[in-house]
N, C-alpha and C. Protein backbone atom coordinates (compact mmCIF):
# COMPACT_ATOMS: atom_id res chain seq x y z
N MET A 1 18.82 -28.73 -6.42
CA MET A 1 19.46 -27.48 -6.84
C MET A 1 20.58 -27.14 -5.85
N ALA A 2 21.78 -26.90 -6.37
CA ALA A 2 22.91 -26.58 -5.50
C ALA A 2 22.75 -25.18 -4.92
N ARG A 3 23.11 -25.05 -3.64
CA ARG A 3 23.00 -23.75 -2.98
C ARG A 3 24.27 -22.94 -3.17
N ARG A 4 24.10 -21.63 -3.18
CA ARG A 4 25.25 -20.73 -3.24
C ARG A 4 25.73 -20.44 -1.83
N ALA A 5 26.79 -19.68 -1.76
CA ALA A 5 27.33 -19.30 -0.45
C ALA A 5 26.38 -18.35 0.25
N ARG A 6 26.58 -18.22 1.57
CA ARG A 6 25.76 -17.29 2.33
C ARG A 6 26.15 -15.85 2.03
N GLY A 7 25.28 -14.93 2.52
CA GLY A 7 25.62 -13.51 2.49
C GLY A 7 25.40 -12.87 1.14
N THR A 8 26.09 -11.77 0.91
CA THR A 8 25.87 -10.99 -0.30
C THR A 8 26.28 -11.74 -1.56
N SER A 9 27.14 -12.78 -1.42
CA SER A 9 27.57 -13.54 -2.59
C SER A 9 26.42 -14.33 -3.20
N ALA A 10 25.32 -14.45 -2.48
CA ALA A 10 24.17 -15.18 -3.01
C ALA A 10 23.51 -14.42 -4.16
N GLY A 11 23.82 -13.14 -4.36
CA GLY A 11 23.27 -12.37 -5.46
C GLY A 11 21.80 -12.03 -5.30
N LEU A 12 21.36 -11.87 -4.07
CA LEU A 12 19.96 -11.58 -3.79
C LEU A 12 19.71 -10.09 -3.66
N ASP A 13 18.48 -9.69 -3.89
CA ASP A 13 18.01 -8.37 -3.50
C ASP A 13 16.54 -8.52 -3.11
N ARG A 14 15.99 -7.49 -2.52
CA ARG A 14 14.63 -7.57 -1.98
C ARG A 14 13.61 -7.86 -3.07
N GLU A 15 13.78 -7.28 -4.24
CA GLU A 15 12.83 -7.49 -5.33
C GLU A 15 12.84 -8.93 -5.80
N ARG A 16 14.01 -9.51 -5.93
CA ARG A 16 14.11 -10.91 -6.37
C ARG A 16 13.47 -11.84 -5.34
N ILE A 17 13.70 -11.55 -4.07
CA ILE A 17 13.10 -12.35 -3.00
C ILE A 17 11.59 -12.24 -3.04
N ALA A 18 11.08 -11.01 -3.20
CA ALA A 18 9.63 -10.79 -3.22
C ALA A 18 8.98 -11.52 -4.40
N THR A 19 9.58 -11.44 -5.56
CA THR A 19 9.03 -12.08 -6.75
C THR A 19 8.97 -13.59 -6.57
N ALA A 20 10.03 -14.17 -6.05
CA ALA A 20 10.06 -15.61 -5.83
C ALA A 20 9.08 -16.04 -4.75
N ALA A 21 8.95 -15.23 -3.71
CA ALA A 21 8.04 -15.57 -2.61
C ALA A 21 6.59 -15.55 -3.08
N VAL A 22 6.21 -14.53 -3.84
CA VAL A 22 4.85 -14.46 -4.37
C VAL A 22 4.57 -15.66 -5.27
N ALA A 23 5.50 -15.97 -6.15
CA ALA A 23 5.32 -17.10 -7.06
C ALA A 23 5.18 -18.41 -6.30
N LEU A 24 5.93 -18.56 -5.22
CA LEU A 24 5.88 -19.78 -4.42
C LEU A 24 4.52 -19.94 -3.73
N VAL A 25 4.00 -18.83 -3.16
CA VAL A 25 2.70 -18.90 -2.51
C VAL A 25 1.60 -19.10 -3.56
N ASP A 26 1.70 -18.43 -4.69
CA ASP A 26 0.73 -18.62 -5.77
C ASP A 26 0.63 -20.09 -6.16
N ARG A 27 1.77 -20.75 -6.20
CA ARG A 27 1.82 -22.15 -6.66
C ARG A 27 1.42 -23.15 -5.58
N ASP A 28 1.96 -22.97 -4.37
CA ASP A 28 1.83 -24.00 -3.34
C ASP A 28 0.97 -23.62 -2.15
N GLY A 29 0.63 -22.34 -2.00
CA GLY A 29 -0.20 -21.91 -0.89
C GLY A 29 0.59 -21.49 0.33
N LEU A 30 -0.07 -20.78 1.23
CA LEU A 30 0.58 -20.26 2.43
C LEU A 30 0.97 -21.37 3.40
N GLU A 31 0.19 -22.46 3.41
CA GLU A 31 0.45 -23.52 4.38
C GLU A 31 1.83 -24.14 4.18
N ARG A 32 2.30 -24.17 2.97
CA ARG A 32 3.59 -24.80 2.68
C ARG A 32 4.73 -23.80 2.57
N PHE A 33 4.41 -22.52 2.75
CA PHE A 33 5.43 -21.49 2.57
C PHE A 33 6.31 -21.37 3.81
N GLY A 34 7.61 -21.20 3.59
CA GLY A 34 8.55 -21.00 4.69
C GLY A 34 9.88 -20.51 4.16
N VAL A 35 10.73 -20.06 5.07
CA VAL A 35 12.03 -19.52 4.67
C VAL A 35 12.87 -20.56 3.97
N ARG A 36 12.89 -21.77 4.49
CA ARG A 36 13.72 -22.82 3.88
C ARG A 36 13.23 -23.18 2.48
N ARG A 37 11.92 -23.26 2.31
CA ARG A 37 11.40 -23.59 0.99
C ARG A 37 11.69 -22.47 0.00
N LEU A 38 11.62 -21.22 0.45
CA LEU A 38 11.95 -20.11 -0.43
C LEU A 38 13.44 -20.13 -0.78
N ALA A 39 14.28 -20.42 0.20
CA ALA A 39 15.72 -20.51 -0.07
C ALA A 39 16.01 -21.60 -1.09
N ASP A 40 15.34 -22.74 -0.96
CA ASP A 40 15.52 -23.81 -1.94
C ASP A 40 15.10 -23.35 -3.32
N GLU A 41 14.00 -22.61 -3.38
CA GLU A 41 13.50 -22.12 -4.67
C GLU A 41 14.51 -21.18 -5.33
N LEU A 42 15.17 -20.37 -4.50
CA LEU A 42 16.15 -19.40 -5.01
C LEU A 42 17.53 -20.01 -5.18
N GLY A 43 17.74 -21.21 -4.63
CA GLY A 43 19.05 -21.85 -4.73
C GLY A 43 20.09 -21.22 -3.84
N VAL A 44 19.67 -20.79 -2.63
CA VAL A 44 20.60 -20.13 -1.71
C VAL A 44 20.47 -20.76 -0.33
N ASP A 45 21.43 -20.47 0.53
CA ASP A 45 21.34 -20.87 1.92
C ASP A 45 20.29 -20.00 2.61
N PRO A 46 19.46 -20.56 3.50
CA PRO A 46 18.44 -19.75 4.17
C PRO A 46 18.99 -18.51 4.86
N MET A 47 20.21 -18.59 5.38
CA MET A 47 20.77 -17.44 6.07
C MET A 47 20.98 -16.25 5.14
N SER A 48 21.11 -16.52 3.85
CA SER A 48 21.29 -15.42 2.90
C SER A 48 20.07 -14.51 2.86
N LEU A 49 18.87 -15.09 3.08
CA LEU A 49 17.66 -14.29 3.05
C LEU A 49 17.62 -13.28 4.18
N TYR A 50 18.22 -13.64 5.32
CA TYR A 50 18.14 -12.77 6.50
C TYR A 50 18.98 -11.51 6.35
N HIS A 51 19.82 -11.44 5.33
CA HIS A 51 20.55 -10.20 5.05
C HIS A 51 19.61 -9.14 4.47
N HIS A 52 18.45 -9.59 3.98
CA HIS A 52 17.51 -8.69 3.30
C HIS A 52 16.16 -8.60 4.00
N VAL A 53 15.71 -9.70 4.60
CA VAL A 53 14.40 -9.77 5.25
C VAL A 53 14.57 -10.47 6.59
N LYS A 54 14.15 -9.83 7.66
CA LYS A 54 14.41 -10.32 9.01
C LYS A 54 13.32 -11.27 9.50
N GLY A 55 13.27 -12.48 8.97
CA GLY A 55 12.37 -13.49 9.47
C GLY A 55 11.12 -13.67 8.64
N LYS A 56 10.35 -14.71 8.99
CA LYS A 56 9.18 -15.07 8.19
C LYS A 56 8.11 -13.99 8.23
N ALA A 57 7.87 -13.37 9.41
CA ALA A 57 6.84 -12.34 9.50
C ALA A 57 7.15 -11.19 8.54
N ALA A 58 8.41 -10.76 8.51
CA ALA A 58 8.81 -9.69 7.60
C ALA A 58 8.68 -10.14 6.15
N LEU A 59 8.91 -11.41 5.91
CA LEU A 59 8.79 -11.96 4.56
C LEU A 59 7.34 -11.92 4.09
N LEU A 60 6.41 -12.20 4.99
CA LEU A 60 5.00 -12.12 4.64
C LEU A 60 4.60 -10.68 4.30
N ASP A 61 5.19 -9.72 5.01
CA ASP A 61 4.92 -8.31 4.70
C ASP A 61 5.48 -7.94 3.32
N VAL A 62 6.62 -8.50 2.98
CA VAL A 62 7.22 -8.27 1.66
C VAL A 62 6.29 -8.80 0.57
N ILE A 63 5.70 -9.96 0.80
CA ILE A 63 4.76 -10.54 -0.17
C ILE A 63 3.55 -9.63 -0.35
N CYS A 64 3.00 -9.15 0.77
CA CYS A 64 1.86 -8.23 0.70
C CYS A 64 2.20 -6.99 -0.11
N GLU A 65 3.32 -6.40 0.18
CA GLU A 65 3.72 -5.17 -0.51
C GLU A 65 3.89 -5.43 -2.00
N ALA A 66 4.44 -6.59 -2.35
CA ALA A 66 4.68 -6.90 -3.76
C ALA A 66 3.38 -6.98 -4.55
N VAL A 67 2.35 -7.65 -4.00
CA VAL A 67 1.11 -7.76 -4.75
C VAL A 67 0.32 -6.45 -4.73
N LEU A 68 0.49 -5.65 -3.66
CA LEU A 68 -0.20 -4.37 -3.61
C LEU A 68 0.32 -3.38 -4.64
N THR A 69 1.54 -3.58 -5.11
CA THR A 69 2.05 -2.70 -6.17
C THR A 69 1.25 -2.88 -7.46
N GLU A 70 0.49 -3.96 -7.57
CA GLU A 70 -0.33 -4.20 -8.76
C GLU A 70 -1.65 -3.42 -8.71
N VAL A 71 -1.98 -2.88 -7.56
CA VAL A 71 -3.23 -2.14 -7.42
C VAL A 71 -3.04 -0.72 -7.93
N VAL A 72 -3.83 -0.34 -8.90
CA VAL A 72 -3.72 0.99 -9.51
C VAL A 72 -4.70 1.93 -8.83
N ALA A 73 -4.19 3.00 -8.28
CA ALA A 73 -5.03 4.03 -7.68
C ALA A 73 -4.53 5.40 -8.16
N PRO A 74 -5.43 6.34 -8.42
CA PRO A 74 -4.98 7.67 -8.85
C PRO A 74 -4.05 8.29 -7.81
N ALA A 75 -2.97 8.86 -8.27
CA ALA A 75 -2.02 9.49 -7.35
C ALA A 75 -2.65 10.70 -6.67
N PRO A 76 -2.42 10.87 -5.37
CA PRO A 76 -2.97 12.04 -4.65
C PRO A 76 -2.16 13.29 -4.97
N ASP A 77 -2.40 13.86 -6.17
CA ASP A 77 -1.58 14.97 -6.64
C ASP A 77 -2.15 16.34 -6.27
N GLY A 78 -3.23 16.33 -5.50
CA GLY A 78 -3.82 17.59 -5.07
C GLY A 78 -4.93 18.08 -5.96
N ALA A 79 -5.08 17.50 -7.17
CA ALA A 79 -6.15 17.93 -8.07
C ALA A 79 -7.47 17.34 -7.61
N PRO A 80 -8.55 18.11 -7.68
CA PRO A 80 -9.87 17.59 -7.27
C PRO A 80 -10.25 16.37 -8.11
N ARG A 81 -10.73 15.33 -7.47
CA ARG A 81 -11.17 14.12 -8.17
C ARG A 81 -12.50 13.68 -7.56
N ASP A 82 -13.30 13.05 -8.38
CA ASP A 82 -14.54 12.48 -7.87
C ASP A 82 -14.20 11.30 -6.97
N TRP A 83 -14.61 11.37 -5.71
CA TRP A 83 -14.18 10.34 -4.77
C TRP A 83 -14.75 8.97 -5.10
N GLU A 84 -15.97 8.94 -5.67
CA GLU A 84 -16.55 7.65 -6.03
C GLU A 84 -15.79 7.01 -7.19
N GLU A 85 -15.32 7.82 -8.10
CA GLU A 85 -14.52 7.30 -9.21
C GLU A 85 -13.22 6.70 -8.68
N VAL A 86 -12.59 7.40 -7.74
CA VAL A 86 -11.36 6.89 -7.14
C VAL A 86 -11.64 5.58 -6.41
N ALA A 87 -12.73 5.54 -5.66
CA ALA A 87 -13.09 4.33 -4.91
C ALA A 87 -13.36 3.16 -5.85
N ARG A 88 -14.08 3.41 -6.93
CA ARG A 88 -14.40 2.32 -7.87
C ARG A 88 -13.14 1.81 -8.57
N LEU A 89 -12.30 2.71 -9.01
CA LEU A 89 -11.08 2.30 -9.67
C LEU A 89 -10.21 1.47 -8.73
N THR A 90 -10.06 1.96 -7.51
CA THR A 90 -9.25 1.24 -6.53
C THR A 90 -9.85 -0.12 -6.22
N ALA A 91 -11.17 -0.15 -6.03
CA ALA A 91 -11.84 -1.41 -5.68
C ALA A 91 -11.69 -2.46 -6.78
N HIS A 92 -11.89 -2.06 -8.02
CA HIS A 92 -11.79 -3.02 -9.11
C HIS A 92 -10.34 -3.48 -9.31
N SER A 93 -9.39 -2.59 -9.15
CA SER A 93 -7.99 -2.98 -9.27
C SER A 93 -7.59 -3.94 -8.15
N TYR A 94 -8.11 -3.68 -6.95
CA TYR A 94 -7.86 -4.55 -5.80
C TYR A 94 -8.49 -5.93 -6.05
N ARG A 95 -9.70 -5.95 -6.60
CA ARG A 95 -10.35 -7.22 -6.93
C ARG A 95 -9.53 -8.00 -7.96
N ASP A 96 -9.07 -7.32 -9.00
CA ASP A 96 -8.27 -7.99 -10.02
C ASP A 96 -7.02 -8.63 -9.41
N MET A 97 -6.36 -7.89 -8.51
CA MET A 97 -5.18 -8.43 -7.84
C MET A 97 -5.54 -9.66 -7.02
N ALA A 98 -6.67 -9.61 -6.30
CA ALA A 98 -7.08 -10.75 -5.46
C ALA A 98 -7.31 -11.99 -6.30
N TYR A 99 -7.90 -11.83 -7.47
CA TYR A 99 -8.15 -12.99 -8.33
C TYR A 99 -6.87 -13.49 -9.00
N ARG A 100 -5.89 -12.62 -9.18
CA ARG A 100 -4.59 -13.09 -9.70
C ARG A 100 -3.82 -13.85 -8.64
N HIS A 101 -4.03 -13.50 -7.37
CA HIS A 101 -3.26 -14.10 -6.29
C HIS A 101 -4.18 -14.61 -5.17
N PRO A 102 -5.07 -15.55 -5.48
CA PRO A 102 -6.03 -16.00 -4.46
C PRO A 102 -5.38 -16.65 -3.24
N ARG A 103 -4.21 -17.25 -3.42
CA ARG A 103 -3.55 -17.89 -2.29
C ARG A 103 -2.75 -16.89 -1.45
N VAL A 104 -2.43 -15.76 -2.02
CA VAL A 104 -1.76 -14.69 -1.27
C VAL A 104 -2.77 -13.82 -0.55
N PHE A 105 -3.95 -13.66 -1.12
CA PHE A 105 -4.90 -12.66 -0.64
C PHE A 105 -5.24 -12.76 0.84
N PRO A 106 -5.36 -13.95 1.44
CA PRO A 106 -5.64 -13.99 2.88
C PRO A 106 -4.66 -13.18 3.73
N LEU A 107 -3.44 -13.03 3.27
CA LEU A 107 -2.47 -12.20 4.01
C LEU A 107 -2.92 -10.75 4.06
N LEU A 108 -3.46 -10.26 2.96
CA LEU A 108 -3.88 -8.86 2.90
C LEU A 108 -5.08 -8.61 3.81
N ALA A 109 -5.94 -9.62 3.92
CA ALA A 109 -7.15 -9.47 4.71
C ALA A 109 -6.92 -9.68 6.20
N THR A 110 -5.82 -10.30 6.57
CA THR A 110 -5.61 -10.66 7.97
C THR A 110 -4.41 -9.99 8.62
N ARG A 111 -3.58 -9.30 7.85
CA ARG A 111 -2.41 -8.62 8.40
C ARG A 111 -2.57 -7.10 8.23
N ALA A 112 -2.08 -6.34 9.18
CA ALA A 112 -2.11 -4.88 9.05
C ALA A 112 -1.24 -4.46 7.87
N GLN A 113 -1.79 -3.61 7.01
CA GLN A 113 -1.07 -3.17 5.82
C GLN A 113 -0.59 -1.74 6.03
N THR A 114 0.68 -1.60 6.35
CA THR A 114 1.25 -0.28 6.66
C THR A 114 2.42 0.08 5.75
N SER A 115 2.60 -0.67 4.67
CA SER A 115 3.69 -0.36 3.75
C SER A 115 3.40 0.94 3.02
N PRO A 116 4.43 1.58 2.46
CA PRO A 116 4.20 2.82 1.70
C PRO A 116 3.19 2.67 0.57
N VAL A 117 3.22 1.54 -0.12
CA VAL A 117 2.29 1.35 -1.24
C VAL A 117 0.86 1.23 -0.74
N ALA A 118 0.64 0.60 0.41
CA ALA A 118 -0.70 0.49 0.98
C ALA A 118 -1.20 1.85 1.43
N ILE A 119 -0.35 2.61 2.09
CA ILE A 119 -0.74 3.94 2.58
C ILE A 119 -1.03 4.88 1.41
N SER A 120 -0.31 4.73 0.32
CA SER A 120 -0.55 5.58 -0.85
C SER A 120 -1.95 5.35 -1.43
N ALA A 121 -2.38 4.08 -1.45
CA ALA A 121 -3.72 3.78 -1.95
C ALA A 121 -4.78 4.41 -1.06
N LEU A 122 -4.59 4.34 0.24
CA LEU A 122 -5.53 4.97 1.17
C LEU A 122 -5.52 6.49 1.02
N GLU A 123 -4.33 7.05 0.84
CA GLU A 123 -4.21 8.50 0.71
C GLU A 123 -4.98 9.00 -0.52
N SER A 124 -4.96 8.23 -1.60
CA SER A 124 -5.69 8.63 -2.80
C SER A 124 -7.18 8.77 -2.51
N LEU A 125 -7.72 7.81 -1.78
CA LEU A 125 -9.16 7.87 -1.46
C LEU A 125 -9.45 8.98 -0.46
N VAL A 126 -8.64 9.09 0.57
CA VAL A 126 -8.86 10.12 1.59
C VAL A 126 -8.75 11.52 0.98
N ALA A 127 -7.75 11.71 0.12
CA ALA A 127 -7.58 13.01 -0.52
C ALA A 127 -8.81 13.37 -1.36
N ALA A 128 -9.36 12.36 -2.06
CA ALA A 128 -10.52 12.62 -2.91
C ALA A 128 -11.76 12.93 -2.08
N THR A 129 -11.96 12.22 -0.97
CA THR A 129 -13.14 12.50 -0.14
C THR A 129 -13.05 13.86 0.51
N ARG A 130 -11.86 14.25 0.94
CA ARG A 130 -11.71 15.57 1.57
C ARG A 130 -11.86 16.68 0.54
N ALA A 131 -11.31 16.45 -0.67
CA ALA A 131 -11.43 17.46 -1.73
C ALA A 131 -12.89 17.66 -2.13
N ALA A 132 -13.68 16.58 -2.00
CA ALA A 132 -15.10 16.66 -2.34
C ALA A 132 -15.92 17.29 -1.22
N GLY A 133 -15.29 17.60 -0.11
CA GLY A 133 -15.99 18.26 0.99
C GLY A 133 -16.74 17.32 1.92
N LEU A 134 -16.44 16.01 1.87
CA LEU A 134 -17.08 15.10 2.81
C LEU A 134 -16.65 15.45 4.23
N PRO A 135 -17.54 15.35 5.20
CA PRO A 135 -17.16 15.63 6.59
C PRO A 135 -15.97 14.78 7.01
N GLU A 136 -15.14 15.32 7.88
CA GLU A 136 -13.92 14.64 8.28
C GLU A 136 -14.20 13.25 8.87
N ARG A 137 -15.29 13.12 9.63
CA ARG A 137 -15.62 11.82 10.21
C ARG A 137 -15.90 10.79 9.11
N VAL A 138 -16.63 11.22 8.09
CA VAL A 138 -16.96 10.32 6.98
C VAL A 138 -15.71 10.02 6.15
N ALA A 139 -14.90 11.04 5.93
CA ALA A 139 -13.66 10.83 5.17
C ALA A 139 -12.74 9.84 5.89
N ALA A 140 -12.75 9.88 7.23
CA ALA A 140 -11.93 8.95 8.00
C ALA A 140 -12.49 7.54 7.95
N ASP A 141 -13.82 7.42 7.95
CA ASP A 141 -14.45 6.10 7.97
C ASP A 141 -14.48 5.43 6.60
N ALA A 142 -14.52 6.23 5.54
CA ALA A 142 -14.73 5.69 4.19
C ALA A 142 -13.73 4.61 3.80
N PRO A 143 -12.41 4.81 3.95
CA PRO A 143 -11.50 3.74 3.53
C PRO A 143 -11.64 2.49 4.39
N MET A 144 -11.98 2.65 5.68
CA MET A 144 -12.17 1.49 6.53
C MET A 144 -13.40 0.68 6.11
N VAL A 145 -14.47 1.40 5.77
CA VAL A 145 -15.69 0.73 5.30
C VAL A 145 -15.43 0.04 3.96
N LEU A 146 -14.79 0.75 3.04
CA LEU A 146 -14.54 0.19 1.70
C LEU A 146 -13.67 -1.06 1.78
N PHE A 147 -12.55 -0.97 2.49
CA PHE A 147 -11.64 -2.12 2.52
C PHE A 147 -12.15 -3.22 3.45
N GLY A 148 -13.01 -2.88 4.40
CA GLY A 148 -13.67 -3.92 5.17
C GLY A 148 -14.55 -4.77 4.26
N PHE A 149 -15.32 -4.10 3.40
CA PHE A 149 -16.13 -4.82 2.42
C PHE A 149 -15.25 -5.62 1.46
N LEU A 150 -14.23 -4.96 0.89
CA LEU A 150 -13.38 -5.63 -0.10
C LEU A 150 -12.72 -6.88 0.47
N ASN A 151 -12.15 -6.76 1.65
CA ASN A 151 -11.44 -7.91 2.21
C ASN A 151 -12.39 -9.06 2.52
N GLY A 152 -13.54 -8.75 3.12
CA GLY A 152 -14.49 -9.80 3.44
C GLY A 152 -15.06 -10.46 2.20
N HIS A 153 -15.52 -9.65 1.26
CA HIS A 153 -16.13 -10.18 0.04
C HIS A 153 -15.13 -10.97 -0.79
N LEU A 154 -13.94 -10.42 -0.98
CA LEU A 154 -12.96 -11.09 -1.83
C LEU A 154 -12.36 -12.31 -1.16
N LEU A 155 -12.30 -12.30 0.15
CA LEU A 155 -11.85 -13.51 0.86
C LEU A 155 -12.84 -14.65 0.61
N ALA A 156 -14.12 -14.32 0.63
CA ALA A 156 -15.14 -15.34 0.34
C ALA A 156 -15.07 -15.80 -1.11
N CYS A 157 -14.85 -14.86 -2.02
CA CYS A 157 -14.83 -15.19 -3.44
C CYS A 157 -13.59 -15.97 -3.86
N THR A 158 -12.48 -15.71 -3.23
CA THR A 158 -11.22 -16.36 -3.63
C THR A 158 -10.88 -17.54 -2.74
N GLY A 159 -11.77 -17.87 -1.79
CA GLY A 159 -11.48 -18.96 -0.86
C GLY A 159 -11.32 -20.30 -1.54
N GLY A 160 -11.84 -20.43 -2.74
CA GLY A 160 -11.67 -21.67 -3.49
C GLY A 160 -10.34 -21.77 -4.19
N GLY A 161 -9.47 -20.75 -3.98
CA GLY A 161 -8.15 -20.77 -4.62
C GLY A 161 -8.26 -20.53 -6.12
N PRO A 162 -7.31 -21.04 -6.89
CA PRO A 162 -7.32 -20.80 -8.34
C PRO A 162 -8.56 -21.31 -9.04
N ASP A 163 -9.32 -22.22 -8.40
CA ASP A 163 -10.54 -22.75 -9.02
C ASP A 163 -11.71 -21.80 -8.93
N GLY A 164 -11.56 -20.70 -8.21
CA GLY A 164 -12.63 -19.72 -8.10
C GLY A 164 -13.55 -20.00 -6.94
N PRO A 165 -14.59 -19.17 -6.77
CA PRO A 165 -15.49 -19.33 -5.62
C PRO A 165 -16.28 -20.62 -5.68
N ALA A 166 -16.60 -21.14 -4.49
CA ALA A 166 -17.45 -22.33 -4.42
C ALA A 166 -18.86 -21.97 -4.84
N PRO A 167 -19.58 -22.89 -5.46
CA PRO A 167 -20.97 -22.59 -5.87
C PRO A 167 -21.86 -22.38 -4.65
N VAL A 168 -22.92 -21.59 -4.84
CA VAL A 168 -23.89 -21.37 -3.77
C VAL A 168 -24.61 -22.68 -3.49
N PRO A 169 -24.72 -23.09 -2.24
CA PRO A 169 -25.38 -24.37 -1.93
C PRO A 169 -26.88 -24.30 -2.16
N GLU A 170 -27.49 -25.46 -2.26
CA GLU A 170 -28.94 -25.53 -2.35
C GLU A 170 -29.53 -25.50 -0.94
N PHE A 171 -30.68 -24.84 -0.80
CA PHE A 171 -31.33 -24.72 0.50
C PHE A 171 -32.68 -25.41 0.47
N ASP A 172 -32.99 -26.09 1.55
CA ASP A 172 -34.27 -26.77 1.69
C ASP A 172 -35.37 -25.74 1.91
N SER A 173 -36.35 -25.72 1.02
CA SER A 173 -37.41 -24.71 1.11
C SER A 173 -38.30 -24.89 2.33
N GLY A 174 -38.33 -26.10 2.86
CA GLY A 174 -39.13 -26.31 4.05
C GLY A 174 -38.45 -25.80 5.30
N THR A 175 -37.12 -25.96 5.37
CA THR A 175 -36.37 -25.54 6.56
C THR A 175 -35.94 -24.09 6.48
N HIS A 176 -35.52 -23.67 5.29
CA HIS A 176 -35.02 -22.29 5.11
C HIS A 176 -35.71 -21.67 3.88
N PRO A 177 -36.99 -21.35 3.99
CA PRO A 177 -37.73 -20.86 2.82
C PRO A 177 -37.20 -19.54 2.26
N GLY A 178 -36.76 -18.65 3.15
CA GLY A 178 -36.23 -17.37 2.68
C GLY A 178 -34.96 -17.56 1.87
N MET A 179 -34.04 -18.38 2.38
CA MET A 179 -32.79 -18.62 1.67
C MET A 179 -33.03 -19.33 0.35
N ALA A 180 -33.96 -20.30 0.36
CA ALA A 180 -34.27 -21.02 -0.87
C ALA A 180 -34.86 -20.10 -1.93
N ALA A 181 -35.69 -19.15 -1.50
CA ALA A 181 -36.31 -18.22 -2.44
C ALA A 181 -35.30 -17.27 -3.06
N LEU A 182 -34.31 -16.87 -2.28
CA LEU A 182 -33.32 -15.91 -2.77
C LEU A 182 -32.13 -16.55 -3.47
N ALA A 183 -31.93 -17.84 -3.31
CA ALA A 183 -30.75 -18.51 -3.85
C ALA A 183 -30.52 -18.23 -5.34
N PRO A 184 -31.57 -18.21 -6.19
CA PRO A 184 -31.32 -17.92 -7.60
C PRO A 184 -30.67 -16.56 -7.84
N ARG A 185 -30.91 -15.63 -6.93
CA ARG A 185 -30.32 -14.29 -7.09
C ARG A 185 -28.85 -14.26 -6.70
N TRP A 186 -28.37 -15.34 -6.12
CA TRP A 186 -26.95 -15.43 -5.77
C TRP A 186 -26.17 -16.26 -6.78
N ALA A 187 -26.82 -16.57 -7.89
CA ALA A 187 -26.17 -17.44 -8.88
C ALA A 187 -24.92 -16.81 -9.49
N ASP A 188 -24.86 -15.48 -9.48
CA ASP A 188 -23.69 -14.81 -10.07
C ASP A 188 -22.64 -14.45 -9.02
N PHE A 189 -22.66 -15.15 -7.88
CA PHE A 189 -21.67 -14.90 -6.82
C PHE A 189 -20.26 -14.94 -7.38
N GLY A 190 -19.49 -13.89 -7.09
CA GLY A 190 -18.11 -13.81 -7.56
C GLY A 190 -17.94 -13.11 -8.89
N SER A 191 -19.04 -12.76 -9.55
CA SER A 191 -18.94 -12.10 -10.86
C SER A 191 -18.68 -10.60 -10.69
N VAL A 192 -18.29 -9.97 -11.77
CA VAL A 192 -18.08 -8.52 -11.75
C VAL A 192 -19.40 -7.80 -11.49
N ALA A 193 -20.48 -8.32 -12.09
CA ALA A 193 -21.80 -7.68 -11.91
C ALA A 193 -22.20 -7.70 -10.44
N GLU A 194 -21.99 -8.84 -9.78
CA GLU A 194 -22.33 -8.91 -8.36
C GLU A 194 -21.44 -7.98 -7.55
N PHE A 195 -20.16 -7.94 -7.89
CA PHE A 195 -19.23 -7.06 -7.19
C PHE A 195 -19.68 -5.61 -7.29
N ASP A 196 -20.10 -5.20 -8.48
CA ASP A 196 -20.54 -3.82 -8.67
C ASP A 196 -21.81 -3.52 -7.87
N ARG A 197 -22.71 -4.48 -7.76
CA ARG A 197 -23.91 -4.26 -6.94
C ARG A 197 -23.53 -4.05 -5.48
N MET A 198 -22.65 -4.88 -4.97
CA MET A 198 -22.24 -4.75 -3.57
C MET A 198 -21.50 -3.43 -3.36
N LEU A 199 -20.65 -3.08 -4.32
CA LEU A 199 -19.90 -1.84 -4.22
C LEU A 199 -20.84 -0.63 -4.25
N ASP A 200 -21.89 -0.70 -5.06
CA ASP A 200 -22.88 0.37 -5.10
C ASP A 200 -23.50 0.59 -3.72
N ILE A 201 -23.80 -0.49 -3.02
CA ILE A 201 -24.40 -0.38 -1.69
C ILE A 201 -23.43 0.29 -0.72
N VAL A 202 -22.16 -0.09 -0.78
CA VAL A 202 -21.15 0.49 0.11
C VAL A 202 -21.00 1.98 -0.16
N LEU A 203 -20.88 2.35 -1.44
CA LEU A 203 -20.68 3.77 -1.77
C LEU A 203 -21.92 4.59 -1.46
N ALA A 204 -23.10 4.00 -1.68
CA ALA A 204 -24.34 4.71 -1.33
C ALA A 204 -24.40 4.97 0.17
N GLY A 205 -23.93 4.02 0.97
CA GLY A 205 -23.90 4.21 2.41
C GLY A 205 -22.99 5.34 2.82
N ILE A 206 -21.81 5.41 2.20
CA ILE A 206 -20.87 6.50 2.50
C ILE A 206 -21.47 7.84 2.07
N ARG A 207 -22.07 7.84 0.88
CA ARG A 207 -22.68 9.07 0.37
C ARG A 207 -23.81 9.53 1.29
N GLY A 208 -24.64 8.59 1.73
CA GLY A 208 -25.75 8.94 2.59
C GLY A 208 -25.28 9.46 3.96
N GLN A 209 -24.24 8.83 4.48
CA GLN A 209 -23.71 9.30 5.77
C GLN A 209 -23.14 10.69 5.63
N ALA A 210 -22.50 10.98 4.50
CA ALA A 210 -21.97 12.32 4.27
C ALA A 210 -23.08 13.34 4.23
N ALA A 211 -24.20 13.00 3.57
CA ALA A 211 -25.33 13.93 3.48
C ALA A 211 -25.96 14.17 4.86
N ARG A 212 -26.05 13.12 5.65
CA ARG A 212 -26.64 13.28 6.99
C ARG A 212 -25.75 14.05 7.93
N SER A 213 -24.44 14.00 7.68
CA SER A 213 -23.47 14.66 8.59
C SER A 213 -23.16 16.08 8.20
N SER A 214 -23.63 16.50 7.01
CA SER A 214 -23.30 17.85 6.53
C SER A 214 -24.08 18.91 7.29
């Protein structure tokens, strides 16, 4: 593919760069991602990208922000909302995004997310917990607990890439009798039903801490 001239003549903007970068990681993975490969994909000189994004680290943040725009969370408009409903909606939307972009998702779990779109999602949950009268300590901890669970669980579930989660291994009943006995109950690992069970435990913990702190 022939490259265009450097600078603004390349016809780039941040949205076009983000879309191409996400598509490139979705297809080839993070290990093969780089500024030069993205420039080749866009048909531009690598220096053209630096007019919009200052280096690879900033480019990874652009990728994170782009996929986070797919996460639907109720806007923090000041109206009272059930905080568990907000948490469930956000969690399921975040899960859907992770499964659409399994090769991008490790970035979300391992990099600090401070973009406006990330902060807006947190604000929706915080606003709902405070409106519901949860103690300030619990309201502060709730998004950290929720996204700690989401990132860990979804990283495990999407670690197999587009092929989905790896199957649960078989355990020797003589060496690991407890694991062997419970293994059938992990058969639905990665399913929506399993996700909802885990999410129920997380939300029950937040609810219980709020009751103890009141």
